[in-house]
Amino acid sequence: MESFSVWHWLIVFLALTPIILIIFYIMSFRRTAAAVNAAGGSAPVNSAWLLLIPVFGMIWFFVLLIQLRRAMKNSAVGEPDNQWWVFGMLAGSLSVIGVIFSAFSADLLNILLLLVQFIFAVLHWIKVVQLRKHFQPRL
């Protein structure tokens, strides 16, 4: 059996990078949900791991956003701003649109959708981390 070449390792790296990023996002979401729960909300903490299920995870992303928003509104602190919501909904919607478009063709439009979806996903992630800082008790 031959060893992997540089190109094989590049493919392995490119295949594992999105999975690792999703796992880090899930861990960040869980910490934010736990901070919201500590402030009196009822955010889903452990159900974020369902995002790892390929097609179901896309739908579950919207469910988690709705549940987290409801938990923030019911907490003692309240929702600080809704930029995290807007960026999350845009990233999720672009993800769904990208899957629908990729079923019909694989061209430049899919690459642009993927790039824009990645940008909004990163912005959403940054805002989720800022939410956690808002809900954590100040010492």
N, C-alpha and C. Protein backbone atom coordinates (compact mmCIF):
# COMPACT_ATOMS: atom_id res chain seq x y z
N MET A 1 0.84 -1.18 0.00
CA MET A 1 0.00 0.00 0.00
C MET A 1 0.89 1.24 0.00
N GLU A 2 0.59 2.13 -0.89
CA GLU A 2 1.38 3.34 -1.02
C GLU A 2 0.93 4.37 0.00
N SER A 3 1.81 5.29 0.29
CA SER A 3 1.46 6.36 1.21
C SER A 3 0.71 7.45 0.47
N PHE A 4 0.05 8.30 1.22
CA PHE A 4 -0.69 9.39 0.61
C PHE A 4 0.26 10.42 0.02
N SER A 5 -0.10 10.97 -1.10
CA SER A 5 0.66 12.07 -1.68
C SER A 5 0.16 13.38 -1.09
N VAL A 6 0.79 14.45 -1.47
CA VAL A 6 0.37 15.76 -0.99
C VAL A 6 -1.06 16.06 -1.42
N TRP A 7 -1.44 15.65 -2.61
CA TRP A 7 -2.79 15.91 -3.11
C TRP A 7 -3.84 15.13 -2.32
N HIS A 8 -3.51 13.92 -1.93
CA HIS A 8 -4.44 13.14 -1.10
C HIS A 8 -4.66 13.82 0.25
N TRP A 9 -3.57 14.28 0.85
CA TRP A 9 -3.69 14.96 2.13
C TRP A 9 -4.47 16.27 2.00
N LEU A 10 -4.31 16.95 0.87
CA LEU A 10 -5.07 18.17 0.63
C LEU A 10 -6.56 17.88 0.56
N ILE A 11 -6.93 16.81 -0.10
CA ILE A 11 -8.34 16.42 -0.19
C ILE A 11 -8.87 16.04 1.19
N VAL A 12 -8.10 15.31 1.97
CA VAL A 12 -8.51 14.95 3.33
C VAL A 12 -8.70 16.21 4.17
N PHE A 13 -7.78 17.15 4.06
CA PHE A 13 -7.88 18.40 4.80
C PHE A 13 -9.12 19.19 4.39
N LEU A 14 -9.36 19.29 3.09
CA LEU A 14 -10.53 20.02 2.61
C LEU A 14 -11.84 19.34 3.00
N ALA A 15 -11.83 18.03 3.14
CA ALA A 15 -13.04 17.31 3.54
C ALA A 15 -13.30 17.45 5.04
N LEU A 16 -12.25 17.49 5.84
CA LEU A 16 -12.42 17.55 7.29
C LEU A 16 -12.62 18.96 7.83
N THR A 17 -12.17 19.96 7.11
CA THR A 17 -12.28 21.34 7.60
C THR A 17 -13.72 21.76 7.88
N PRO A 18 -14.68 21.54 6.98
CA PRO A 18 -16.06 21.95 7.31
C PRO A 18 -16.63 21.21 8.52
N ILE A 19 -16.29 19.95 8.67
CA ILE A 19 -16.80 19.18 9.82
C ILE A 19 -16.24 19.73 11.12
N ILE A 20 -14.96 20.05 11.12
CA ILE A 20 -14.33 20.61 12.32
C ILE A 20 -14.93 21.98 12.64
N LEU A 21 -15.16 22.81 11.62
CA LEU A 21 -15.77 24.12 11.86
C LEU A 21 -17.18 23.98 12.41
N ILE A 22 -17.95 23.03 11.90
CA ILE A 22 -19.31 22.81 12.42
C ILE A 22 -19.26 22.37 13.88
N ILE A 23 -18.31 21.51 14.22
CA ILE A 23 -18.19 21.07 15.62
C ILE A 23 -17.85 22.24 16.52
N PHE A 24 -16.93 23.11 16.09
CA PHE A 24 -16.61 24.30 16.90
C PHE A 24 -17.81 25.23 17.01
N TYR A 25 -18.59 25.38 15.94
CA TYR A 25 -19.79 26.21 16.01
C TYR A 25 -20.79 25.62 17.00
N ILE A 26 -20.96 24.31 16.97
CA ILE A 26 -21.90 23.65 17.89
C ILE A 26 -21.47 23.88 19.33
N MET A 27 -20.19 23.75 19.59
CA MET A 27 -19.70 23.97 20.95
C MET A 27 -19.92 25.42 21.38
N SER A 28 -19.72 26.36 20.47
CA SER A 28 -19.95 27.76 20.77
C SER A 28 -21.43 28.04 21.00
N PHE A 29 -22.28 27.45 20.17
CA PHE A 29 -23.73 27.61 20.34
C PHE A 29 -24.17 27.04 21.69
N ARG A 30 -23.63 25.89 22.06
CA ARG A 30 -24.02 25.27 23.34
C ARG A 30 -23.63 26.16 24.52
N ARG A 31 -22.45 26.78 24.45
CA ARG A 31 -22.03 27.67 25.55
C ARG A 31 -22.93 28.91 25.62
N THR A 32 -23.33 29.42 24.46
CA THR A 32 -24.24 30.57 24.45
C THR A 32 -25.61 30.18 24.99
N ALA A 33 -26.11 29.02 24.60
CA ALA A 33 -27.40 28.55 25.11
C ALA A 33 -27.33 28.32 26.62
N ALA A 34 -26.22 27.81 27.11
CA ALA A 34 -26.07 27.62 28.55
C ALA A 34 -26.05 28.96 29.28
N ALA A 35 -25.43 29.98 28.69
CA ALA A 35 -25.42 31.31 29.31
C ALA A 35 -26.82 31.91 29.32
N VAL A 36 -27.58 31.69 28.25
CA VAL A 36 -28.97 32.17 28.20
C VAL A 36 -29.79 31.44 29.27
N ASN A 37 -29.58 30.15 29.42
CA ASN A 37 -30.30 29.39 30.44
C ASN A 37 -29.94 29.85 31.84
N ALA A 38 -28.70 30.23 32.06
CA ALA A 38 -28.30 30.73 33.38
C ALA A 38 -28.97 32.07 33.69
N ALA A 39 -29.33 32.80 32.64
CA ALA A 39 -30.02 34.09 32.83
C ALA A 39 -31.53 33.93 32.92
N GLY A 40 -32.01 32.70 32.89
CA GLY A 40 -33.44 32.46 33.07
C GLY A 40 -34.16 31.99 31.83
N GLY A 41 -33.47 31.78 30.75
CA GLY A 41 -34.10 31.31 29.53
C GLY A 41 -34.18 29.79 29.50
N SER A 42 -34.71 29.26 28.43
CA SER A 42 -34.80 27.81 28.26
C SER A 42 -34.31 27.43 26.86
N ALA A 43 -33.07 27.77 26.57
CA ALA A 43 -32.50 27.51 25.24
C ALA A 43 -32.08 26.04 25.13
N PRO A 44 -32.15 25.50 23.92
CA PRO A 44 -31.71 24.11 23.71
C PRO A 44 -30.18 24.04 23.74
N VAL A 45 -29.65 23.17 24.58
CA VAL A 45 -28.20 23.07 24.71
C VAL A 45 -27.69 21.85 23.95
N ASN A 46 -28.17 20.69 24.30
CA ASN A 46 -27.63 19.46 23.72
C ASN A 46 -28.19 19.11 22.35
N SER A 47 -29.32 19.71 21.98
CA SER A 47 -29.88 19.37 20.68
C SER A 47 -29.12 20.02 19.53
N ALA A 48 -28.13 20.83 19.82
CA ALA A 48 -27.32 21.44 18.75
C ALA A 48 -26.48 20.39 18.03
N TRP A 49 -26.23 19.26 18.66
CA TRP A 49 -25.45 18.21 18.01
C TRP A 49 -26.19 17.61 16.82
N LEU A 50 -27.49 17.84 16.73
CA LEU A 50 -28.25 17.34 15.58
C LEU A 50 -27.89 18.07 14.29
N LEU A 51 -27.14 19.15 14.39
CA LEU A 51 -26.68 19.85 13.19
C LEU A 51 -25.72 19.01 12.37
N LEU A 52 -25.16 17.97 12.95
CA LEU A 52 -24.21 17.11 12.24
C LEU A 52 -24.90 16.14 11.28
N ILE A 53 -26.20 15.98 11.41
CA ILE A 53 -26.94 15.10 10.48
C ILE A 53 -27.09 15.86 9.17
N PRO A 54 -26.62 15.30 8.04
CA PRO A 54 -26.47 16.08 6.81
C PRO A 54 -27.66 16.91 6.35
N VAL A 55 -28.77 16.36 5.97
CA VAL A 55 -29.88 17.18 5.45
C VAL A 55 -30.74 17.71 6.59
N PHE A 56 -30.96 16.90 7.59
CA PHE A 56 -31.76 17.30 8.74
C PHE A 56 -31.13 18.49 9.46
N GLY A 57 -29.81 18.55 9.46
CA GLY A 57 -29.12 19.64 10.14
C GLY A 57 -29.43 21.00 9.57
N MET A 58 -29.69 21.05 8.26
CA MET A 58 -30.04 22.34 7.65
C MET A 58 -31.38 22.85 8.17
N ILE A 59 -32.32 21.95 8.32
CA ILE A 59 -33.63 22.33 8.85
C ILE A 59 -33.53 22.62 10.35
N TRP A 60 -32.77 21.81 11.05
CA TRP A 60 -32.63 21.96 12.50
C TRP A 60 -31.96 23.27 12.87
N PHE A 61 -31.13 23.81 11.98
CA PHE A 61 -30.47 25.09 12.22
C PHE A 61 -31.52 26.18 12.45
N PHE A 62 -32.57 26.19 11.63
CA PHE A 62 -33.63 27.18 11.80
C PHE A 62 -34.40 26.96 13.09
N VAL A 63 -34.63 25.71 13.45
CA VAL A 63 -35.32 25.40 14.70
C VAL A 63 -34.51 25.91 15.89
N LEU A 64 -33.19 25.69 15.86
CA LEU A 64 -32.34 26.16 16.95
C LEU A 64 -32.35 27.68 17.06
N LEU A 65 -32.32 28.36 15.93
CA LEU A 65 -32.37 29.83 15.96
C LEU A 65 -33.67 30.32 16.58
N ILE A 66 -34.78 29.71 16.20
CA ILE A 66 -36.07 30.13 16.73
C ILE A 66 -36.14 29.84 18.24
N GLN A 67 -35.66 28.68 18.66
CA GLN A 67 -35.70 28.34 20.08
C GLN A 67 -34.78 29.24 20.90
N LEU A 68 -33.61 29.57 20.37
CA LEU A 68 -32.70 30.44 21.10
C LEU A 68 -33.27 31.84 21.22
N ARG A 69 -33.89 32.33 20.16
CA ARG A 69 -34.48 33.66 20.21
C ARG A 69 -35.62 33.71 21.23
N ARG A 70 -36.46 32.67 21.25
CA ARG A 70 -37.55 32.62 22.22
C ARG A 70 -37.02 32.56 23.65
N ALA A 71 -35.94 31.80 23.85
CA ALA A 71 -35.36 31.69 25.18
C ALA A 71 -34.77 33.02 25.63
N MET A 72 -34.19 33.77 24.70
CA MET A 72 -33.63 35.08 25.07
C MET A 72 -34.72 36.05 25.47
N LYS A 73 -35.82 36.02 24.74
CA LYS A 73 -36.92 36.94 25.06
C LYS A 73 -37.53 36.59 26.42
N ASN A 74 -37.51 35.32 26.81
CA ASN A 74 -38.08 34.89 28.08
C ASN A 74 -37.10 35.03 29.25
N SER A 75 -35.85 35.35 28.97
CA SER A 75 -34.86 35.46 30.04
C SER A 75 -34.98 36.81 30.74
N ALA A 76 -34.28 36.93 31.84
CA ALA A 76 -34.32 38.18 32.61
C ALA A 76 -33.56 39.30 31.90
N VAL A 77 -32.59 38.94 31.07
CA VAL A 77 -31.75 39.95 30.41
C VAL A 77 -32.41 40.48 29.15
N GLY A 78 -33.04 39.61 28.37
CA GLY A 78 -33.67 40.01 27.12
C GLY A 78 -32.68 39.96 25.96
N GLU A 79 -33.21 40.04 24.77
CA GLU A 79 -32.38 39.96 23.56
C GLU A 79 -31.71 41.32 23.32
N PRO A 80 -30.37 41.36 23.22
CA PRO A 80 -29.69 42.65 23.07
C PRO A 80 -29.92 43.30 21.71
N ASP A 81 -29.71 42.60 20.65
CA ASP A 81 -30.00 43.05 19.29
C ASP A 81 -30.27 41.81 18.47
N ASN A 82 -30.76 42.00 17.27
CA ASN A 82 -31.11 40.82 16.48
C ASN A 82 -30.19 40.61 15.28
N GLN A 83 -28.99 41.15 15.32
CA GLN A 83 -28.06 40.92 14.22
C GLN A 83 -27.68 39.45 14.10
N TRP A 84 -27.55 38.76 15.21
CA TRP A 84 -27.22 37.34 15.18
C TRP A 84 -28.33 36.58 14.46
N TRP A 85 -29.57 37.02 14.67
CA TRP A 85 -30.73 36.38 14.05
C TRP A 85 -30.72 36.61 12.53
N VAL A 86 -30.48 37.84 12.12
CA VAL A 86 -30.47 38.17 10.70
C VAL A 86 -29.35 37.42 9.98
N PHE A 87 -28.15 37.46 10.55
CA PHE A 87 -27.03 36.77 9.92
C PHE A 87 -27.25 35.26 9.89
N GLY A 88 -27.83 34.71 10.93
CA GLY A 88 -28.11 33.28 10.97
C GLY A 88 -29.16 32.87 9.95
N MET A 89 -30.22 33.66 9.85
CA MET A 89 -31.26 33.35 8.87
C MET A 89 -30.74 33.49 7.44
N LEU A 90 -29.90 34.49 7.20
CA LEU A 90 -29.32 34.64 5.86
C LEU A 90 -28.39 33.48 5.53
N ALA A 91 -27.56 33.09 6.48
CA ALA A 91 -26.64 31.97 6.23
C ALA A 91 -27.41 30.68 6.00
N GLY A 92 -28.42 30.42 6.80
CA GLY A 92 -29.22 29.21 6.63
C GLY A 92 -30.00 29.20 5.33
N SER A 93 -30.58 30.35 5.00
CA SER A 93 -31.35 30.44 3.74
C SER A 93 -30.45 30.27 2.53
N LEU A 94 -29.27 30.87 2.56
CA LEU A 94 -28.34 30.71 1.45
C LEU A 94 -27.84 29.28 1.33
N SER A 95 -27.74 28.60 2.46
CA SER A 95 -27.35 27.20 2.43
C SER A 95 -28.41 26.35 1.74
N VAL A 96 -29.66 26.59 2.07
CA VAL A 96 -30.76 25.85 1.44
C VAL A 96 -30.84 26.18 -0.05
N ILE A 97 -30.72 27.46 -0.38
CA ILE A 97 -30.75 27.85 -1.79
C ILE A 97 -29.59 27.23 -2.55
N GLY A 98 -28.42 27.17 -1.93
CA GLY A 98 -27.27 26.55 -2.58
C GLY A 98 -27.47 25.07 -2.86
N VAL A 99 -28.11 24.37 -1.94
CA VAL A 99 -28.39 22.95 -2.17
C VAL A 99 -29.39 22.78 -3.30
N ILE A 100 -30.40 23.64 -3.34
CA ILE A 100 -31.39 23.54 -4.41
C ILE A 100 -30.75 23.85 -5.75
N PHE A 101 -29.94 24.89 -5.82
CA PHE A 101 -29.28 25.24 -7.08
C PHE A 101 -28.27 24.18 -7.52
N SER A 102 -27.59 23.56 -6.56
CA SER A 102 -26.59 22.56 -6.94
C SER A 102 -27.23 21.31 -7.51
N ALA A 103 -28.51 21.10 -7.24
CA ALA A 103 -29.20 19.97 -7.83
C ALA A 103 -29.43 20.17 -9.33
N PHE A 104 -29.47 21.42 -9.75
CA PHE A 104 -29.73 21.71 -11.15
C PHE A 104 -28.47 21.97 -11.97
N SER A 105 -27.50 22.63 -11.36
CA SER A 105 -26.27 22.93 -12.10
C SER A 105 -25.15 23.22 -11.11
N ALA A 106 -23.94 23.10 -11.58
CA ALA A 106 -22.77 23.41 -10.76
C ALA A 106 -21.94 24.43 -11.52
N ASP A 107 -22.22 25.69 -11.30
CA ASP A 107 -21.52 26.72 -12.02
C ASP A 107 -21.05 27.81 -11.07
N LEU A 108 -20.75 28.94 -11.62
CA LEU A 108 -20.21 30.05 -10.86
C LEU A 108 -21.20 30.55 -9.81
N LEU A 109 -22.49 30.45 -10.07
CA LEU A 109 -23.49 30.91 -9.12
C LEU A 109 -23.41 30.12 -7.81
N ASN A 110 -23.17 28.82 -7.89
CA ASN A 110 -23.04 28.00 -6.68
C ASN A 110 -21.82 28.40 -5.88
N ILE A 111 -20.73 28.71 -6.56
CA ILE A 111 -19.52 29.13 -5.85
C ILE A 111 -19.75 30.47 -5.16
N LEU A 112 -20.42 31.39 -5.84
CA LEU A 112 -20.73 32.68 -5.23
C LEU A 112 -21.67 32.51 -4.04
N LEU A 113 -22.68 31.67 -4.17
CA LEU A 113 -23.59 31.41 -3.04
C LEU A 113 -22.84 30.82 -1.85
N LEU A 114 -21.94 29.90 -2.12
CA LEU A 114 -21.15 29.30 -1.05
C LEU A 114 -20.28 30.33 -0.35
N LEU A 115 -19.68 31.22 -1.12
CA LEU A 115 -18.84 32.26 -0.54
C LEU A 115 -19.66 33.22 0.33
N VAL A 116 -20.80 33.67 -0.18
CA VAL A 116 -21.65 34.60 0.58
C VAL A 116 -22.22 33.90 1.81
N GLN A 117 -22.60 32.63 1.68
CA GLN A 117 -23.11 31.89 2.82
C GLN A 117 -22.04 31.73 3.89
N PHE A 118 -20.81 31.49 3.48
CA PHE A 118 -19.71 31.37 4.43
C PHE A 118 -19.48 32.69 5.17
N ILE A 119 -19.57 33.80 4.45
CA ILE A 119 -19.38 35.11 5.08
C ILE A 119 -20.46 35.37 6.13
N PHE A 120 -21.72 35.10 5.78
CA PHE A 120 -22.80 35.32 6.74
C PHE A 120 -22.72 34.32 7.90
N ALA A 121 -22.25 33.11 7.64
CA ALA A 121 -22.10 32.13 8.72
C ALA A 121 -21.04 32.60 9.72
N VAL A 122 -19.94 33.15 9.22
CA VAL A 122 -18.90 33.66 10.13
C VAL A 122 -19.42 34.86 10.92
N LEU A 123 -20.14 35.76 10.25
CA LEU A 123 -20.73 36.90 10.96
C LEU A 123 -21.73 36.43 12.02
N HIS A 124 -22.51 35.42 11.70
CA HIS A 124 -23.46 34.87 12.66
C HIS A 124 -22.72 34.28 13.86
N TRP A 125 -21.66 33.56 13.60
CA TRP A 125 -20.88 32.94 14.67
C TRP A 125 -20.29 34.02 15.59
N ILE A 126 -19.78 35.08 15.01
CA ILE A 126 -19.22 36.19 15.82
C ILE A 126 -20.31 36.78 16.70
N LYS A 127 -21.50 36.97 16.16
CA LYS A 127 -22.60 37.54 16.94
C LYS A 127 -23.08 36.59 18.03
N VAL A 128 -23.03 35.28 17.78
CA VAL A 128 -23.41 34.31 18.81
C VAL A 128 -22.43 34.39 19.98
N VAL A 129 -21.16 34.56 19.68
CA VAL A 129 -20.16 34.71 20.75
C VAL A 129 -20.40 36.00 21.52
N GLN A 130 -20.77 37.08 20.83
CA GLN A 130 -21.09 38.33 21.52
C GLN A 130 -22.33 38.18 22.39
N LEU A 131 -23.29 37.38 21.94
CA LEU A 131 -24.48 37.12 22.77
C LEU A 131 -24.09 36.43 24.07
N ARG A 132 -23.18 35.47 23.98
CA ARG A 132 -22.73 34.76 25.17
C ARG A 132 -22.13 35.75 26.17
N LYS A 133 -21.33 36.67 25.68
CA LYS A 133 -20.72 37.67 26.57
C LYS A 133 -21.79 38.56 27.19
N HIS A 134 -22.86 38.82 26.45
CA HIS A 134 -23.95 39.64 26.97
C HIS A 134 -24.70 38.93 28.09
N PHE A 135 -24.86 37.63 27.97
CA PHE A 135 -25.66 36.88 28.93
C PHE A 135 -24.86 36.34 30.10
N GLN A 136 -23.55 36.32 30.00
CA GLN A 136 -22.76 35.83 31.12
C GLN A 136 -22.81 36.85 32.25
N PRO A 137 -22.89 36.36 33.47
CA PRO A 137 -22.95 37.29 34.60
C PRO A 137 -21.66 38.09 34.73
N ARG A 138 -21.82 39.35 35.00
CA ARG A 138 -20.67 40.23 35.17
C ARG A 138 -20.21 40.18 36.62
N LEU A 139 -18.93 39.96 36.81
CA LEU A 139 -18.40 39.87 38.18
C LEU A 139 -17.86 41.21 38.64
